Amino acid sequence: MNFPMRWHWIAILLVGYAAWSQWSSRPVSHGPGVLAPTEPVQTPVPAAPSLQRPGYRITPLQSFSLEARVLSAERYRFDRGAELAPVDLALGWGPMSDQAILDRIDISQGHRFYFWHVNEFPIPRRDIETHSANMHMIPATSDIERHLESVRSGEIVRLRGYLVEVQGQDGFTWRSSLTREDTGAGACELVWVEQLEVR
């Protein structure tokens, strides 16, 4: 195979991979209706388990579980938290899991934040704020990490774990919000994910 022909096949493989990657991460569409009706559940930790990551102390603050629709998923590789939480999920429940409402809201993620924009509110602003959140996901196992990295917008996730505080040996700290009522900086949940189901 001569040199130009080799690059021809490499180009074909790259285009094929890009097409497959885009297809495999395409959003999941639904008809109108609430898909995740229940509120997240948060309870005190009676006996805090030991959560392990080399170089970090991870303290459970509350037990946490939820069923929610994925509004957006963002992967991180290079920021300070990437080795702990390689994926952020913007999640919605109640009215924020209804396709008819979400069709009227522009949603994006970046720099560890979740953003939304409307031209006209389909539901009250406070309902958007209290029924959706950006959550930093710390996978408890490599298998859960692989599942998190394949989650697509529109899928329904069920997860169980802990809201946590992280302290690094170098002074780095990262603490979860403990309420769904807050907004802005510091309002994201930092979740140690022990169980994950995706549908």
N, C-alpha and C. Protein backbone atom coordinates (compact mmCIF):
# COMPACT_ATOMS: atom_id res chain seq x y z
N MET A 1 0.86 -1.19 0.00
CA MET A 1 0.00 0.00 0.00
C MET A 1 0.89 1.24 0.00
N ASN A 2 0.69 2.13 -0.94
CA ASN A 2 1.53 3.31 -0.98
C ASN A 2 1.08 4.33 0.07
N PHE A 3 1.88 5.34 0.27
CA PHE A 3 1.64 6.32 1.34
C PHE A 3 0.32 7.06 1.19
N PRO A 4 0.01 7.60 -0.01
CA PRO A 4 -1.28 8.30 -0.14
C PRO A 4 -2.47 7.41 0.14
N MET A 5 -2.42 6.15 -0.32
CA MET A 5 -3.54 5.23 -0.09
C MET A 5 -3.73 4.94 1.40
N ARG A 6 -2.62 4.84 2.16
CA ARG A 6 -2.71 4.61 3.60
C ARG A 6 -3.49 5.75 4.27
N TRP A 7 -3.18 6.98 3.91
CA TRP A 7 -3.89 8.12 4.50
C TRP A 7 -5.35 8.15 4.09
N HIS A 8 -5.64 7.67 2.89
CA HIS A 8 -7.02 7.57 2.44
C HIS A 8 -7.82 6.67 3.37
N TRP A 9 -7.28 5.50 3.72
CA TRP A 9 -7.99 4.57 4.60
C TRP A 9 -8.06 5.10 6.03
N ILE A 10 -7.01 5.78 6.47
CA ILE A 10 -7.06 6.40 7.81
C ILE A 10 -8.16 7.43 7.87
N ALA A 11 -8.30 8.24 6.81
CA ALA A 11 -9.36 9.25 6.78
C ALA A 11 -10.73 8.60 6.83
N ILE A 12 -10.91 7.50 6.10
CA ILE A 12 -12.19 6.80 6.11
C ILE A 12 -12.51 6.27 7.51
N LEU A 13 -11.49 5.70 8.18
CA LEU A 13 -11.70 5.18 9.53
C LEU A 13 -12.06 6.29 10.50
N LEU A 14 -11.40 7.43 10.38
CA LEU A 14 -11.69 8.55 11.28
C LEU A 14 -13.10 9.09 11.07
N VAL A 15 -13.51 9.21 9.82
CA VAL A 15 -14.87 9.67 9.53
C VAL A 15 -15.89 8.66 10.04
N GLY A 16 -15.61 7.37 9.86
CA GLY A 16 -16.51 6.34 10.35
C GLY A 16 -16.63 6.37 11.86
N TYR A 17 -15.50 6.54 12.55
CA TYR A 17 -15.53 6.62 14.01
C TYR A 17 -16.33 7.83 14.48
N ALA A 18 -16.12 8.98 13.82
CA ALA A 18 -16.85 10.19 14.20
C ALA A 18 -18.35 10.00 14.01
N ALA A 19 -18.73 9.35 12.90
CA ALA A 19 -20.16 9.11 12.65
C ALA A 19 -20.74 8.17 13.69
N TRP A 20 -20.01 7.09 14.03
CA TRP A 20 -20.48 6.16 15.05
C TRP A 20 -20.60 6.84 16.41
N SER A 21 -19.61 7.67 16.75
CA SER A 21 -19.62 8.35 18.04
C SER A 21 -20.82 9.28 18.16
N GLN A 22 -21.10 10.00 17.08
CA GLN A 22 -22.25 10.91 17.09
C GLN A 22 -23.56 10.12 17.19
N TRP A 23 -23.66 9.01 16.46
CA TRP A 23 -24.88 8.20 16.50
C TRP A 23 -25.09 7.58 17.88
N SER A 24 -24.02 7.07 18.48
CA SER A 24 -24.16 6.37 19.76
C SER A 24 -24.46 7.33 20.91
N SER A 25 -24.18 8.63 20.74
CA SER A 25 -24.45 9.59 21.80
C SER A 25 -25.68 10.45 21.51
N ARG A 26 -26.46 10.08 20.49
CA ARG A 26 -27.62 10.87 20.11
C ARG A 26 -28.63 10.90 21.26
N PRO A 27 -29.36 12.00 21.42
CA PRO A 27 -30.38 12.08 22.48
C PRO A 27 -31.49 11.05 22.28
N VAL A 28 -32.08 10.63 23.39
CA VAL A 28 -33.22 9.74 23.37
C VAL A 28 -34.48 10.60 23.40
N SER A 29 -35.40 10.37 22.48
CA SER A 29 -36.61 11.18 22.42
C SER A 29 -37.79 10.45 23.08
N HIS A 30 -38.73 11.24 23.60
CA HIS A 30 -39.91 10.71 24.26
C HIS A 30 -41.13 11.53 23.84
N GLY A 31 -42.30 10.96 24.06
CA GLY A 31 -43.52 11.72 23.91
C GLY A 31 -43.76 12.57 25.14
N PRO A 32 -44.82 13.40 25.13
CA PRO A 32 -45.11 14.25 26.29
C PRO A 32 -45.50 13.43 27.50
N GLY A 33 -45.26 14.00 28.68
CA GLY A 33 -45.62 13.34 29.93
C GLY A 33 -44.44 13.26 30.87
N VAL A 34 -44.73 13.27 32.16
CA VAL A 34 -43.70 13.20 33.20
C VAL A 34 -43.14 11.78 33.25
N LEU A 35 -41.82 11.65 33.14
CA LEU A 35 -41.17 10.34 33.13
C LEU A 35 -40.54 9.97 34.46
N ALA A 36 -40.24 10.96 35.28
CA ALA A 36 -39.61 10.71 36.59
C ALA A 36 -40.38 11.54 37.63
N PRO A 37 -41.47 10.99 38.16
CA PRO A 37 -42.37 11.81 38.99
C PRO A 37 -41.91 12.07 40.42
N THR A 38 -41.01 11.26 40.95
CA THR A 38 -40.68 11.36 42.37
C THR A 38 -39.52 12.32 42.63
N GLU A 39 -39.54 12.90 43.82
CA GLU A 39 -38.46 13.78 44.25
C GLU A 39 -37.23 12.96 44.68
N PRO A 40 -36.03 13.52 44.56
CA PRO A 40 -34.85 12.85 45.11
C PRO A 40 -35.03 12.60 46.62
N VAL A 41 -34.44 11.51 47.09
CA VAL A 41 -34.56 11.14 48.50
C VAL A 41 -33.19 11.29 49.16
N GLN A 42 -33.18 12.02 50.26
CA GLN A 42 -31.94 12.31 50.98
C GLN A 42 -32.17 12.04 52.46
N THR A 43 -31.31 11.25 53.09
CA THR A 43 -31.49 10.89 54.49
C THR A 43 -30.16 10.93 55.22
N PRO A 44 -30.19 11.09 56.55
CA PRO A 44 -28.95 11.07 57.32
C PRO A 44 -28.23 9.73 57.19
N VAL A 45 -26.91 9.77 57.36
CA VAL A 45 -26.09 8.56 57.31
C VAL A 45 -25.89 8.07 58.75
N PRO A 46 -26.51 6.96 59.15
CA PRO A 46 -26.41 6.53 60.55
C PRO A 46 -24.99 6.13 60.94
N ALA A 47 -24.29 5.44 60.05
CA ALA A 47 -22.90 5.04 60.31
C ALA A 47 -22.15 5.24 59.00
N ALA A 48 -21.38 6.31 58.95
CA ALA A 48 -20.73 6.69 57.70
C ALA A 48 -19.72 5.63 57.25
N PRO A 49 -19.88 5.10 56.03
CA PRO A 49 -18.91 4.13 55.52
C PRO A 49 -17.61 4.82 55.12
N SER A 50 -16.58 4.04 54.94
CA SER A 50 -15.30 4.58 54.48
C SER A 50 -15.27 4.52 52.96
N LEU A 51 -15.17 5.67 52.32
CA LEU A 51 -15.12 5.77 50.86
C LEU A 51 -13.69 6.07 50.44
N GLN A 52 -13.15 5.30 49.52
CA GLN A 52 -11.73 5.33 49.23
C GLN A 52 -11.41 5.89 47.85
N ARG A 53 -10.45 6.79 47.80
CA ARG A 53 -9.80 7.25 46.57
C ARG A 53 -8.37 7.64 46.96
N PRO A 54 -7.36 7.14 46.26
CA PRO A 54 -5.99 7.51 46.61
C PRO A 54 -5.80 9.02 46.60
N GLY A 55 -5.26 9.53 47.68
CA GLY A 55 -4.96 10.95 47.77
C GLY A 55 -6.10 11.82 48.24
N TYR A 56 -7.26 11.20 48.55
CA TYR A 56 -8.43 11.97 48.95
C TYR A 56 -9.10 11.36 50.17
N ARG A 57 -9.66 12.22 50.98
CA ARG A 57 -10.56 11.79 52.05
C ARG A 57 -11.98 12.14 51.61
N ILE A 58 -12.85 11.15 51.55
CA ILE A 58 -14.21 11.34 51.06
C ILE A 58 -15.17 11.03 52.20
N THR A 59 -15.95 12.04 52.60
CA THR A 59 -16.84 11.92 53.75
C THR A 59 -18.29 11.93 53.29
N PRO A 60 -19.05 10.87 53.56
CA PRO A 60 -20.49 10.90 53.26
C PRO A 60 -21.20 11.92 54.14
N LEU A 61 -22.04 12.74 53.53
CA LEU A 61 -22.81 13.73 54.27
C LEU A 61 -24.26 13.29 54.44
N GLN A 62 -24.82 12.67 53.40
CA GLN A 62 -26.19 12.18 53.42
C GLN A 62 -26.30 11.00 52.44
N SER A 63 -27.15 10.04 52.77
CA SER A 63 -27.52 9.04 51.77
C SER A 63 -28.39 9.71 50.72
N PHE A 64 -28.30 9.22 49.47
CA PHE A 64 -28.98 9.93 48.38
C PHE A 64 -29.42 8.94 47.33
N SER A 65 -30.64 9.11 46.84
CA SER A 65 -31.12 8.31 45.72
C SER A 65 -32.09 9.15 44.90
N LEU A 66 -32.17 8.84 43.61
CA LEU A 66 -33.13 9.53 42.77
C LEU A 66 -33.37 8.76 41.49
N GLU A 67 -34.51 9.06 40.88
CA GLU A 67 -34.80 8.67 39.51
C GLU A 67 -35.04 9.97 38.76
N ALA A 68 -34.35 10.15 37.64
CA ALA A 68 -34.43 11.42 36.93
C ALA A 68 -34.14 11.23 35.45
N ARG A 69 -34.58 12.19 34.68
CA ARG A 69 -34.29 12.21 33.26
C ARG A 69 -32.99 12.97 33.03
N VAL A 70 -32.17 12.47 32.15
CA VAL A 70 -30.92 13.16 31.81
C VAL A 70 -31.24 14.30 30.84
N LEU A 71 -30.98 15.51 31.29
CA LEU A 71 -31.19 16.69 30.45
C LEU A 71 -29.97 16.97 29.59
N SER A 72 -28.81 16.64 30.12
CA SER A 72 -27.54 16.83 29.41
C SER A 72 -26.47 16.06 30.16
N ALA A 73 -25.44 15.61 29.42
CA ALA A 73 -24.30 14.92 30.03
C ALA A 73 -23.02 15.55 29.51
N GLU A 74 -22.08 15.78 30.40
CA GLU A 74 -20.82 16.42 30.00
C GLU A 74 -19.66 15.63 30.59
N ARG A 75 -18.67 15.30 29.75
CA ARG A 75 -17.47 14.59 30.20
C ARG A 75 -16.36 15.59 30.49
N TYR A 76 -15.55 15.29 31.50
CA TYR A 76 -14.41 16.14 31.86
C TYR A 76 -13.15 15.29 31.92
N ARG A 77 -12.07 15.83 31.38
CA ARG A 77 -10.79 15.12 31.35
C ARG A 77 -9.65 15.89 32.01
N PHE A 78 -9.74 17.21 32.01
CA PHE A 78 -8.54 17.99 32.33
C PHE A 78 -8.70 18.95 33.50
N ASP A 79 -9.90 19.13 34.07
CA ASP A 79 -10.01 20.05 35.19
C ASP A 79 -9.61 19.35 36.48
N ARG A 80 -9.61 20.10 37.57
CA ARG A 80 -9.10 19.59 38.85
C ARG A 80 -9.92 18.42 39.38
N GLY A 81 -11.21 18.40 39.07
CA GLY A 81 -12.04 17.34 39.60
C GLY A 81 -12.20 16.12 38.71
N ALA A 82 -11.55 16.13 37.53
CA ALA A 82 -11.81 15.10 36.53
C ALA A 82 -11.43 13.70 36.99
N GLU A 83 -10.37 13.57 37.78
CA GLU A 83 -9.97 12.23 38.20
C GLU A 83 -10.94 11.64 39.21
N LEU A 84 -11.73 12.49 39.86
CA LEU A 84 -12.75 12.01 40.79
C LEU A 84 -14.11 11.88 40.09
N ALA A 85 -14.52 12.94 39.43
CA ALA A 85 -15.84 13.00 38.80
C ALA A 85 -15.69 13.28 37.31
N PRO A 86 -15.52 12.25 36.49
CA PRO A 86 -15.29 12.46 35.06
C PRO A 86 -16.54 12.83 34.29
N VAL A 87 -17.72 12.74 34.92
CA VAL A 87 -18.98 13.02 34.24
C VAL A 87 -19.87 13.88 35.14
N ASP A 88 -20.47 14.92 34.55
CA ASP A 88 -21.55 15.66 35.18
C ASP A 88 -22.84 15.34 34.45
N LEU A 89 -23.90 15.11 35.19
CA LEU A 89 -25.21 14.93 34.61
C LEU A 89 -26.12 16.06 35.07
N ALA A 90 -26.74 16.75 34.12
CA ALA A 90 -27.83 17.67 34.43
C ALA A 90 -29.09 16.82 34.43
N LEU A 91 -29.79 16.79 35.55
CA LEU A 91 -30.92 15.87 35.73
C LEU A 91 -32.19 16.64 36.03
N GLY A 92 -33.32 16.09 35.56
CA GLY A 92 -34.61 16.70 35.82
C GLY A 92 -35.62 15.67 36.28
N TRP A 93 -36.52 16.06 37.15
CA TRP A 93 -37.57 15.19 37.65
C TRP A 93 -38.86 16.01 37.72
N GLY A 94 -39.98 15.32 37.98
CA GLY A 94 -41.25 16.03 37.98
C GLY A 94 -41.48 16.71 36.64
N PRO A 95 -41.90 17.98 36.63
CA PRO A 95 -42.17 18.66 35.37
C PRO A 95 -40.95 18.77 34.46
N MET A 96 -39.76 18.71 35.05
CA MET A 96 -38.53 18.81 34.25
C MET A 96 -38.12 17.46 33.65
N SER A 97 -39.02 16.49 33.69
CA SER A 97 -38.81 15.25 32.95
C SER A 97 -39.84 15.09 31.84
N ASP A 98 -40.64 16.14 31.60
CA ASP A 98 -41.72 16.13 30.63
C ASP A 98 -41.23 16.71 29.30
N GLN A 99 -41.26 15.91 28.25
CA GLN A 99 -40.78 16.36 26.94
C GLN A 99 -41.48 17.63 26.46
N ALA A 100 -42.78 17.75 26.73
CA ALA A 100 -43.53 18.91 26.29
C ALA A 100 -42.99 20.20 26.89
N ILE A 101 -42.48 20.11 28.12
CA ILE A 101 -41.88 21.28 28.77
C ILE A 101 -40.45 21.48 28.30
N LEU A 102 -39.70 20.40 28.22
CA LEU A 102 -38.28 20.50 27.84
C LEU A 102 -38.11 20.99 26.41
N ASP A 103 -39.08 20.76 25.54
CA ASP A 103 -38.99 21.26 24.17
C ASP A 103 -38.96 22.78 24.12
N ARG A 104 -39.34 23.43 25.21
CA ARG A 104 -39.38 24.90 25.24
C ARG A 104 -38.25 25.49 26.09
N ILE A 105 -37.29 24.65 26.46
CA ILE A 105 -36.15 25.10 27.28
C ILE A 105 -34.85 24.71 26.59
N ASP A 106 -33.95 25.66 26.41
CA ASP A 106 -32.62 25.37 25.88
C ASP A 106 -31.70 25.03 27.04
N ILE A 107 -31.03 23.89 26.96
CA ILE A 107 -30.22 23.37 28.05
C ILE A 107 -28.80 23.10 27.56
N SER A 108 -27.81 23.48 28.37
CA SER A 108 -26.41 23.21 28.04
C SER A 108 -25.62 23.04 29.33
N GLN A 109 -24.39 22.56 29.18
CA GLN A 109 -23.47 22.41 30.31
C GLN A 109 -22.09 22.91 29.91
N GLY A 110 -21.31 23.30 30.91
CA GLY A 110 -19.93 23.67 30.67
C GLY A 110 -19.29 24.20 31.94
N HIS A 111 -17.99 23.94 32.10
CA HIS A 111 -17.23 24.45 33.25
C HIS A 111 -17.89 24.06 34.58
N ARG A 112 -18.46 22.84 34.61
CA ARG A 112 -19.06 22.27 35.81
C ARG A 112 -20.38 22.95 36.20
N PHE A 113 -21.00 23.67 35.27
CA PHE A 113 -22.30 24.28 35.51
C PHE A 113 -23.32 23.75 34.50
N TYR A 114 -24.58 23.90 34.84
CA TYR A 114 -25.71 23.56 33.96
C TYR A 114 -26.46 24.87 33.70
N PHE A 115 -26.77 25.12 32.44
CA PHE A 115 -27.40 26.37 32.04
C PHE A 115 -28.73 26.08 31.34
N TRP A 116 -29.70 26.93 31.55
CA TRP A 116 -30.95 26.83 30.82
C TRP A 116 -31.42 28.22 30.40
N HIS A 117 -32.18 28.24 29.31
CA HIS A 117 -32.69 29.52 28.79
C HIS A 117 -34.07 29.29 28.19
N VAL A 118 -34.96 30.24 28.43
CA VAL A 118 -36.30 30.17 27.83
C VAL A 118 -36.64 31.52 27.20
N ASN A 119 -37.41 31.49 26.15
CA ASN A 119 -37.98 32.72 25.61
C ASN A 119 -39.26 33.08 26.35
N GLU A 120 -39.97 32.06 26.76
CA GLU A 120 -41.19 32.22 27.55
C GLU A 120 -41.30 31.03 28.48
N PHE A 121 -41.58 31.27 29.74
CA PHE A 121 -41.58 30.19 30.72
C PHE A 121 -42.73 29.22 30.48
N PRO A 122 -42.42 27.92 30.26
CA PRO A 122 -43.49 26.92 30.13
C PRO A 122 -44.06 26.51 31.49
N ILE A 123 -43.26 26.68 32.53
CA ILE A 123 -43.66 26.46 33.91
C ILE A 123 -43.00 27.57 34.73
N PRO A 124 -43.43 27.80 35.97
CA PRO A 124 -42.79 28.85 36.76
C PRO A 124 -41.27 28.64 36.90
N ARG A 125 -40.53 29.72 36.95
CA ARG A 125 -39.07 29.65 37.07
C ARG A 125 -38.64 28.80 38.26
N ARG A 126 -39.34 28.94 39.37
CA ARG A 126 -38.94 28.20 40.57
C ARG A 126 -39.10 26.71 40.38
N ASP A 127 -40.07 26.29 39.58
CA ASP A 127 -40.23 24.86 39.30
C ASP A 127 -39.05 24.32 38.50
N ILE A 128 -38.53 25.13 37.60
CA ILE A 128 -37.33 24.72 36.87
C ILE A 128 -36.16 24.58 37.83
N GLU A 129 -36.00 25.55 38.71
CA GLU A 129 -34.86 25.56 39.63
C GLU A 129 -34.90 24.43 40.64
N THR A 130 -36.10 24.06 41.10
CA THR A 130 -36.20 23.06 42.16
C THR A 130 -36.46 21.65 41.64
N HIS A 131 -36.59 21.50 40.32
CA HIS A 131 -36.81 20.18 39.74
C HIS A 131 -35.73 19.79 38.74
N SER A 132 -34.58 20.45 38.85
CA SER A 132 -33.44 20.09 38.01
C SER A 132 -32.17 20.51 38.74
N ALA A 133 -31.07 19.83 38.41
CA ALA A 133 -29.80 20.13 39.07
C ALA A 133 -28.65 19.56 38.25
N ASN A 134 -27.50 20.18 38.41
CA ASN A 134 -26.26 19.64 37.84
C ASN A 134 -25.57 18.83 38.94
N MET A 135 -25.22 17.58 38.62
CA MET A 135 -24.62 16.70 39.63
C MET A 135 -23.30 16.15 39.13
N HIS A 136 -22.26 16.32 39.95
CA HIS A 136 -20.93 15.77 39.68
C HIS A 136 -20.90 14.33 40.16
N MET A 137 -20.62 13.40 39.27
CA MET A 137 -20.72 11.99 39.59
C MET A 137 -19.35 11.36 39.88
N ILE A 138 -19.19 10.84 41.08
CA ILE A 138 -17.98 10.10 41.45
C ILE A 138 -18.33 8.61 41.41
N PRO A 139 -17.89 7.87 40.42
CA PRO A 139 -18.24 6.45 40.34
C PRO A 139 -17.51 5.63 41.40
N ALA A 140 -18.24 4.74 42.05
CA ALA A 140 -17.63 3.89 43.07
C ALA A 140 -16.79 2.78 42.45
N THR A 141 -17.09 2.40 41.19
CA THR A 141 -16.37 1.33 40.52
C THR A 141 -16.09 1.72 39.08
N SER A 142 -15.18 0.99 38.46
CA SER A 142 -14.87 1.25 37.05
C SER A 142 -16.05 0.90 36.15
N ASP A 143 -16.84 -0.10 36.54
CA ASP A 143 -18.01 -0.47 35.77
C ASP A 143 -19.04 0.66 35.77
N ILE A 144 -19.28 1.26 36.93
CA ILE A 144 -20.19 2.40 37.00
C ILE A 144 -19.64 3.57 36.19
N GLU A 145 -18.34 3.77 36.22
CA GLU A 145 -17.74 4.85 35.42
C GLU A 145 -18.01 4.65 33.93
N ARG A 146 -17.87 3.43 33.45
CA ARG A 146 -18.15 3.16 32.03
C ARG A 146 -19.61 3.44 31.70
N HIS A 147 -20.50 3.06 32.60
CA HIS A 147 -21.91 3.33 32.35
C HIS A 147 -22.19 4.83 32.35
N LEU A 148 -21.60 5.56 33.27
CA LEU A 148 -21.80 7.01 33.32
C LEU A 148 -21.32 7.67 32.04
N GLU A 149 -20.21 7.21 31.51
CA GLU A 149 -19.65 7.84 30.33
C GLU A 149 -20.45 7.53 29.06
N SER A 150 -21.37 6.58 29.14
CA SER A 150 -22.19 6.25 27.98
C SER A 150 -23.62 6.78 28.10
N VAL A 151 -23.93 7.47 29.20
CA VAL A 151 -25.28 7.98 29.40
C VAL A 151 -25.60 9.05 28.36
N ARG A 152 -26.83 9.01 27.84
CA ARG A 152 -27.25 9.96 26.81
C ARG A 152 -28.37 10.86 27.32
N SER A 153 -28.44 12.03 26.76
CA SER A 153 -29.54 12.94 27.06
C SER A 153 -30.86 12.26 26.71
N GLY A 154 -31.83 12.37 27.61
CA GLY A 154 -33.13 11.77 27.40
C GLY A 154 -33.32 10.45 28.11
N GLU A 155 -32.24 9.79 28.48
CA GLU A 155 -32.38 8.53 29.21
C GLU A 155 -32.83 8.79 30.65
N ILE A 156 -33.40 7.76 31.24
CA ILE A 156 -33.82 7.82 32.64
C ILE A 156 -32.79 7.06 33.47
N VAL A 157 -32.30 7.71 34.51
CA VAL A 157 -31.32 7.06 35.38
C VAL A 157 -31.91 6.90 36.78
N ARG A 158 -31.56 5.79 37.39
CA ARG A 158 -31.83 5.57 38.80
C ARG A 158 -30.48 5.36 39.47
N LEU A 159 -30.22 6.12 40.50
CA LEU A 159 -28.94 5.96 41.18
C LEU A 159 -29.11 6.02 42.68
N ARG A 160 -28.13 5.42 43.33
CA ARG A 160 -28.12 5.39 44.79
C ARG A 160 -26.67 5.56 45.25
N GLY A 161 -26.49 6.32 46.31
CA GLY A 161 -25.15 6.53 46.83
C GLY A 161 -25.16 7.54 47.96
N TYR A 162 -24.21 8.48 47.91
CA TYR A 162 -24.07 9.46 48.98
C TYR A 162 -23.74 10.83 48.40
N LEU A 163 -24.25 11.87 49.05
CA LEU A 163 -23.74 13.21 48.85
C LEU A 163 -22.50 13.34 49.74
N VAL A 164 -21.41 13.85 49.18
CA VAL A 164 -20.14 13.76 49.88
C VAL A 164 -19.38 15.08 49.91
N GLU A 165 -18.40 15.10 50.78
CA GLU A 165 -17.38 16.15 50.80
C GLU A 165 -16.03 15.50 50.53
N VAL A 166 -15.24 16.12 49.68
CA VAL A 166 -13.93 15.60 49.30
C VAL A 166 -12.85 16.55 49.80
N GLN A 167 -11.82 15.98 50.41
CA GLN A 167 -10.65 16.76 50.81
C GLN A 167 -9.41 16.07 50.26
N GLY A 168 -8.63 16.81 49.46
CA GLY A 168 -7.41 16.27 48.89
C GLY A 168 -6.20 16.52 49.77
N GLN A 169 -5.18 15.71 49.60
CA GLN A 169 -3.96 15.89 50.40
C GLN A 169 -3.27 17.22 50.10
N ASP A 170 -3.57 17.80 48.93
CA ASP A 170 -2.96 19.08 48.55
C ASP A 170 -3.80 20.27 48.96
N GLY A 171 -4.87 20.06 49.75
CA GLY A 171 -5.73 21.14 50.20
C GLY A 171 -6.99 21.34 49.38
N PHE A 172 -7.11 20.59 48.29
CA PHE A 172 -8.30 20.68 47.46
C PHE A 172 -9.53 20.24 48.23
N THR A 173 -10.62 21.01 48.15
CA THR A 173 -11.88 20.63 48.79
C THR A 173 -13.03 20.77 47.80
N TRP A 174 -14.02 19.93 47.95
CA TRP A 174 -15.19 19.91 47.07
C TRP A 174 -16.33 19.38 47.91
N ARG A 175 -17.38 20.16 48.09
CA ARG A 175 -18.48 19.76 48.98
C ARG A 175 -19.81 19.82 48.24
N SER A 176 -20.62 18.83 48.45
CA SER A 176 -21.93 18.76 47.82
C SER A 176 -22.91 19.74 48.45
N SER A 177 -23.80 20.26 47.63
CA SER A 177 -24.99 20.90 48.16
C SER A 177 -25.85 19.84 48.83
N LEU A 178 -26.60 20.25 49.83
CA LEU A 178 -27.48 19.31 50.54
C LEU A 178 -28.95 19.69 50.39
N THR A 179 -29.25 20.52 49.40
CA THR A 179 -30.63 20.91 49.15
C THR A 179 -30.86 21.08 47.66
N ARG A 180 -32.10 20.85 47.22
CA ARG A 180 -32.46 21.09 45.82
C ARG A 180 -33.02 22.49 45.65
N GLU A 181 -32.99 23.29 46.70
CA GLU A 181 -33.60 24.62 46.67
C GLU A 181 -32.63 25.72 46.25
N ASP A 182 -31.34 25.43 46.21
CA ASP A 182 -30.36 26.49 45.93
C ASP A 182 -30.05 26.59 44.44
N THR A 183 -29.40 27.68 44.06
CA THR A 183 -29.01 27.92 42.67
C THR A 183 -27.63 28.58 42.66
N GLY A 184 -26.99 28.56 41.48
CA GLY A 184 -25.71 29.24 41.32
C GLY A 184 -24.53 28.44 41.85
N ALA A 185 -23.40 29.13 42.04
CA ALA A 185 -22.17 28.48 42.49
C ALA A 185 -22.39 27.80 43.83
N GLY A 186 -21.93 26.56 43.95
CA GLY A 186 -22.08 25.80 45.18
C GLY A 186 -23.38 25.03 45.28
N ALA A 187 -24.25 25.15 44.25
CA ALA A 187 -25.55 24.49 44.30
C ALA A 187 -25.54 23.08 43.72
N CYS A 188 -24.43 22.66 43.15
CA CYS A 188 -24.38 21.33 42.52
C CYS A 188 -24.21 20.24 43.57
N GLU A 189 -24.74 19.08 43.26
CA GLU A 189 -24.55 17.91 44.10
C GLU A 189 -23.27 17.17 43.70
N LEU A 190 -22.53 16.71 44.68
CA LEU A 190 -21.36 15.88 44.46
C LEU A 190 -21.74 14.49 44.96
N VAL A 191 -21.91 13.55 44.02
CA VAL A 191 -22.54 12.27 44.34
C VAL A 191 -21.56 11.11 44.18
N TRP A 192 -21.38 10.36 45.25
CA TRP A 192 -20.67 9.09 45.19
C TRP A 192 -21.69 8.05 44.73
N VAL A 193 -21.51 7.49 43.53
CA VAL A 193 -22.52 6.63 42.92
C VAL A 193 -22.17 5.17 43.17
N GLU A 194 -22.99 4.48 43.95
CA GLU A 194 -22.77 3.06 44.25
C GLU A 194 -23.65 2.15 43.40
N GLN A 195 -24.79 2.62 42.97
CA GLN A 195 -25.68 1.84 42.12
C GLN A 195 -26.21 2.74 41.01
N LEU A 196 -26.28 2.19 39.79
CA LEU A 196 -26.74 2.98 38.66
C LEU A 196 -27.51 2.08 37.70
N GLU A 197 -28.71 2.50 37.36
CA GLU A 197 -29.50 1.87 36.32
C GLU A 197 -29.85 2.91 35.28
N VAL A 198 -29.79 2.52 34.03
CA VAL A 198 -30.10 3.45 32.93
C VAL A 198 -31.13 2.79 32.02
N ARG A 199 -32.15 3.54 31.66
CA ARG A 199 -33.14 3.00 30.72
C ARG A 199 -33.61 4.11 29.78
